[in-house]
Amino acid sequence: MNHYHVAFVDNEGTFYSASVETPRDLFTTAGIDGIAEELAERLDQDEPVAVISVIPLKS
């Protein structure tokens, strides 16, 4: 698993920050798209969130 700190904004402009654990590589387009959709699902939103920054964390 990969560990990251992710800052993102929802479709209403609310800023969030979270530590996430995911098998995705968030330094690829597919990884960013996937985590944007996953975070939106966690917030019960229809649209993906906008990822602002990704910081890798040591496992």
Protein backbone atom coordinates (compact mmCIF):
# COMPACT_ATOMS: atom_id res chain seq x y z
CA MET A 1 0.00 0.00 0.00
CA ASN A 2 1.03 3.57 -0.68
CA HIS A 3 0.47 6.30 1.90
CA TYR A 4 -0.18 9.92 0.92
CA HIS A 5 -1.39 13.18 2.35
CA VAL A 6 -3.90 14.64 -0.12
CA ALA A 7 -5.39 18.14 -0.23
CA PHE A 8 -8.52 18.51 -2.33
CA VAL A 9 -11.62 20.61 -2.97
CA ASP A 10 -15.16 19.31 -3.41
CA ASN A 11 -17.63 20.55 -6.02
CA GLU A 12 -18.94 23.20 -3.60
CA GLY A 13 -15.48 24.69 -2.99
CA THR A 14 -14.89 23.22 0.47
CA PHE A 15 -11.22 22.45 1.17
CA TYR A 16 -10.26 19.08 2.66
CA SER A 17 -7.02 17.44 3.71
CA ALA A 18 -6.62 13.73 4.43
CA SER A 19 -4.12 10.95 4.82
CA VAL A 20 -5.01 8.08 2.52
CA GLU A 21 -3.76 4.55 2.05
CA THR A 22 -4.24 3.19 -1.44
CA PRO A 23 -2.68 0.70 -3.86
CA ARG A 24 -2.81 3.45 -6.52
CA ASP A 25 0.25 5.41 -7.62
CA LEU A 26 -0.93 9.00 -7.18
CA PHE A 27 1.84 10.30 -9.39
CA THR A 28 0.07 8.97 -12.49
CA THR A 29 -3.02 10.33 -14.25
CA ALA A 30 -4.93 7.10 -13.62
CA GLY A 31 -4.01 7.21 -9.93
CA ILE A 32 -5.15 10.82 -9.50
CA ASP A 33 -8.40 10.16 -11.39
CA GLY A 34 -9.08 7.09 -9.27
CA ILE A 35 -8.47 8.77 -5.92
CA ALA A 36 -10.52 11.83 -6.99
CA GLU A 37 -13.49 9.55 -7.65
CA GLU A 38 -12.91 7.54 -4.46
CA LEU A 39 -12.78 10.66 -2.28
CA ALA A 40 -15.95 12.00 -3.94
CA GLU A 41 -17.73 8.74 -3.11
CA ARG A 42 -16.65 9.08 0.53
CA LEU A 43 -18.21 12.57 0.55
CA ASP A 44 -21.40 11.34 -1.21
CA GLN A 45 -20.82 13.54 -4.27
CA ASP A 46 -21.59 12.81 -7.91
CA GLU A 47 -18.56 14.65 -9.30
CA PRO A 48 -14.89 13.81 -8.62
CA VAL A 49 -13.06 16.15 -6.25
CA ALA A 50 -10.27 18.42 -7.48
CA VAL A 51 -6.93 17.19 -6.12
CA ILE A 52 -4.69 20.12 -5.21
CA SER A 53 -1.61 18.41 -3.82
CA VAL A 54 -0.21 14.98 -3.07
CA ILE A 55 2.57 14.36 -0.57
CA PRO A 56 3.97 10.84 -0.23
CA LEU A 57 4.31 9.56 3.33
CA LYS A 58 6.72 6.88 4.52
CA SER A 59 5.12 3.58 5.34
